[in-house]
Amino acid sequence: MKIAVDMDNTLVDELGSSKRPGIDRFREKLAVKNVLYVWTNSTKPRAVELLRFHDLRKYFEGIIAREDYDPEEKGLPKDLRKYDFDLLIDDDPEEIIFNIGNKKRAILVEPFRKNTKPDKDELDSILKKYSS
């Protein structure tokens, strides 16, 4: 399965200063049987910098950044059909609704923000469904 994972508020907090608790185990398990990409509204230089800083880059086949899918910054959604993805994991309800409306699978996760503690069971439930 080809899976797109959002970066800001999903992998790392909104400032990029800390990674989501449990995300290392999550990406390692998902990467065993799936192909993972980061799909972010951030710029590619920022994404590369944050993924390297948090040692998250090695499990992702590639990065799709804002300039790749929305170069004119029109506010285009992350359309899984454009890159033939099977699943999106994101904290933005609008991205999830858009893709489900286009008959694609999408999972909404609780936004991870600085100084918050997201429910660790949330990632475990995704793993049970997509890593076995």
Protein backbone atom coordinates (compact mmCIF):
# COMPACT_ATOMS: atom_id res chain seq x y z
CA MET A 1 0.00 0.00 0.00
CA LYS A 2 1.20 3.51 -0.81
CA ILE A 3 0.57 5.79 2.18
CA ALA A 4 0.88 9.58 2.42
CA VAL A 5 1.53 10.95 5.91
CA ASP A 6 1.13 14.63 6.76
CA MET A 7 4.05 16.30 8.53
CA ASP A 8 2.93 19.36 10.55
CA ASN A 9 0.69 18.44 13.51
CA THR A 10 0.86 14.78 12.47
CA LEU A 11 4.53 13.72 12.53
CA VAL A 12 5.80 16.81 14.34
CA ASP A 13 4.23 19.71 16.25
CA GLU A 14 3.23 22.95 14.52
CA LEU A 15 6.62 24.51 15.21
CA GLY A 16 8.60 21.47 14.12
CA SER A 17 10.29 21.45 17.53
CA SER A 18 9.23 17.99 18.69
CA LYS A 19 8.05 14.80 17.10
CA ARG A 20 4.80 13.11 18.02
CA PRO A 21 5.21 10.57 20.82
CA GLY A 22 5.15 7.05 19.41
CA ILE A 23 5.79 8.15 15.83
CA ASP A 24 9.08 6.23 15.52
CA ARG A 25 7.45 2.88 16.25
CA PHE A 26 4.49 3.85 14.09
CA ARG A 27 6.51 4.63 10.97
CA GLU A 28 8.82 1.65 11.44
CA LYS A 29 5.89 -0.77 11.61
CA LEU A 30 4.01 0.86 8.73
CA ALA A 31 7.13 0.87 6.54
CA VAL A 32 7.51 -2.91 6.80
CA LYS A 33 4.69 -3.66 4.35
CA ASN A 34 3.89 -0.26 2.90
CA VAL A 35 5.53 2.52 0.91
CA LEU A 36 5.46 5.77 2.89
CA TYR A 37 5.65 9.35 1.64
CA VAL A 38 5.46 12.63 3.49
CA TRP A 39 2.84 14.96 2.01
CA THR A 40 3.01 18.40 3.53
CA ASN A 41 1.67 21.92 3.13
CA SER A 42 5.15 23.09 4.12
CA THR A 43 7.87 23.89 1.61
CA LYS A 44 10.26 21.15 0.59
CA PRO A 45 13.33 22.78 2.24
CA ARG A 46 11.45 23.03 5.55
CA ALA A 47 10.22 19.44 5.26
CA VAL A 48 13.69 18.09 4.50
CA GLU A 49 15.18 20.05 7.39
CA LEU A 50 12.59 18.88 9.94
CA LEU A 51 12.63 15.25 8.82
CA ARG A 52 16.43 15.16 9.10
CA PHE A 53 16.44 16.98 12.44
CA HIS A 54 14.01 14.46 13.92
CA ASP A 55 15.62 11.47 12.15
CA LEU A 56 12.35 10.71 10.35
CA ARG A 57 13.55 10.81 6.73
CA LYS A 58 14.86 7.27 6.33
CA TYR A 59 11.47 5.54 6.29
CA PHE A 60 9.90 7.77 3.65
CA GLU A 61 10.38 7.12 -0.05
CA GLY A 62 9.81 10.75 -0.89
CA ILE A 63 8.37 14.11 0.01
CA ILE A 64 5.51 15.85 -1.71
CA ALA A 65 5.56 19.48 -0.62
CA ARG A 66 3.32 22.46 -1.31
CA GLU A 67 5.33 23.51 -4.37
CA ASP A 68 4.83 20.03 -5.88
CA TYR A 69 1.04 19.79 -5.71
CA ASP A 70 -0.01 23.44 -5.32
CA PRO A 71 2.73 25.52 -6.99
CA GLU A 72 0.48 28.55 -7.45
CA GLU A 73 -0.64 28.35 -3.79
CA LYS A 74 -4.33 28.17 -4.66
CA GLY A 75 -5.13 26.12 -1.56
CA LEU A 76 -5.47 22.86 -3.49
CA PRO A 77 -6.23 19.78 -1.39
CA LYS A 78 -3.97 16.77 -1.04
CA ASP A 79 -5.59 14.74 -3.81
CA LEU A 80 -4.43 11.13 -3.44
CA ARG A 81 -5.50 10.36 -7.01
CA LYS A 82 -2.84 12.72 -8.39
CA TYR A 83 0.02 10.50 -7.12
CA ASP A 84 -1.85 7.19 -6.95
CA PHE A 85 -1.83 6.89 -3.15
CA ASP A 86 -4.03 4.41 -1.30
CA LEU A 87 -4.27 6.15 2.07
CA LEU A 88 -3.76 9.56 3.69
CA ILE A 89 -3.01 10.05 7.40
CA ASP A 90 -3.58 13.70 8.31
CA ASP A 91 -4.82 15.97 11.11
CA ASP A 92 -6.89 18.19 8.79
CA PRO A 93 -10.56 17.15 8.57
CA GLU A 94 -10.97 18.91 5.20
CA GLU A 95 -8.21 16.78 3.64
CA ILE A 96 -9.87 13.63 4.97
CA ILE A 97 -13.36 14.61 3.76
CA PHE A 98 -12.02 15.55 0.31
CA ASN A 99 -10.31 12.20 -0.20
CA ILE A 100 -13.11 10.07 1.21
CA GLY A 101 -15.45 11.95 -1.14
CA ASN A 102 -13.19 10.81 -3.99
CA LYS A 103 -13.38 7.17 -2.86
CA LYS A 104 -9.92 7.14 -1.28
CA ARG A 105 -9.07 5.99 2.25
CA ALA A 106 -8.09 8.65 4.73
CA ILE A 107 -7.55 8.61 8.49
CA LEU A 108 -7.97 11.67 10.67
CA VAL A 109 -5.56 11.86 13.60
CA GLU A 110 -5.69 14.19 16.56
CA PRO A 111 -3.52 17.25 15.85
CA PHE A 112 -0.21 17.12 17.69
CA ARG A 113 0.62 20.53 19.06
CA LYS A 114 3.48 21.73 21.24
CA ASN A 115 2.97 20.80 24.89
CA THR A 116 0.13 18.36 24.20
CA LYS A 117 0.01 14.62 24.72
CA PRO A 118 -1.98 12.89 22.02
CA ASP A 119 -3.68 9.59 22.73
CA LYS A 120 -1.04 6.89 22.08
CA ASP A 121 -3.78 4.34 21.38
CA GLU A 122 -4.73 6.32 18.28
CA LEU A 123 -1.52 5.31 16.45
CA ASP A 124 -1.76 1.74 17.74
CA SER A 125 -5.24 1.36 16.28
CA ILE A 126 -3.97 2.51 12.87
CA LEU A 127 -1.08 0.04 13.11
CA LYS A 128 -3.42 -2.85 13.85
CA LYS A 129 -5.35 -2.09 10.71
CA TYR A 130 -2.51 -1.33 8.26
CA SER A 131 0.65 -3.15 9.41
CA SER A 132 -0.58 -6.71 9.77
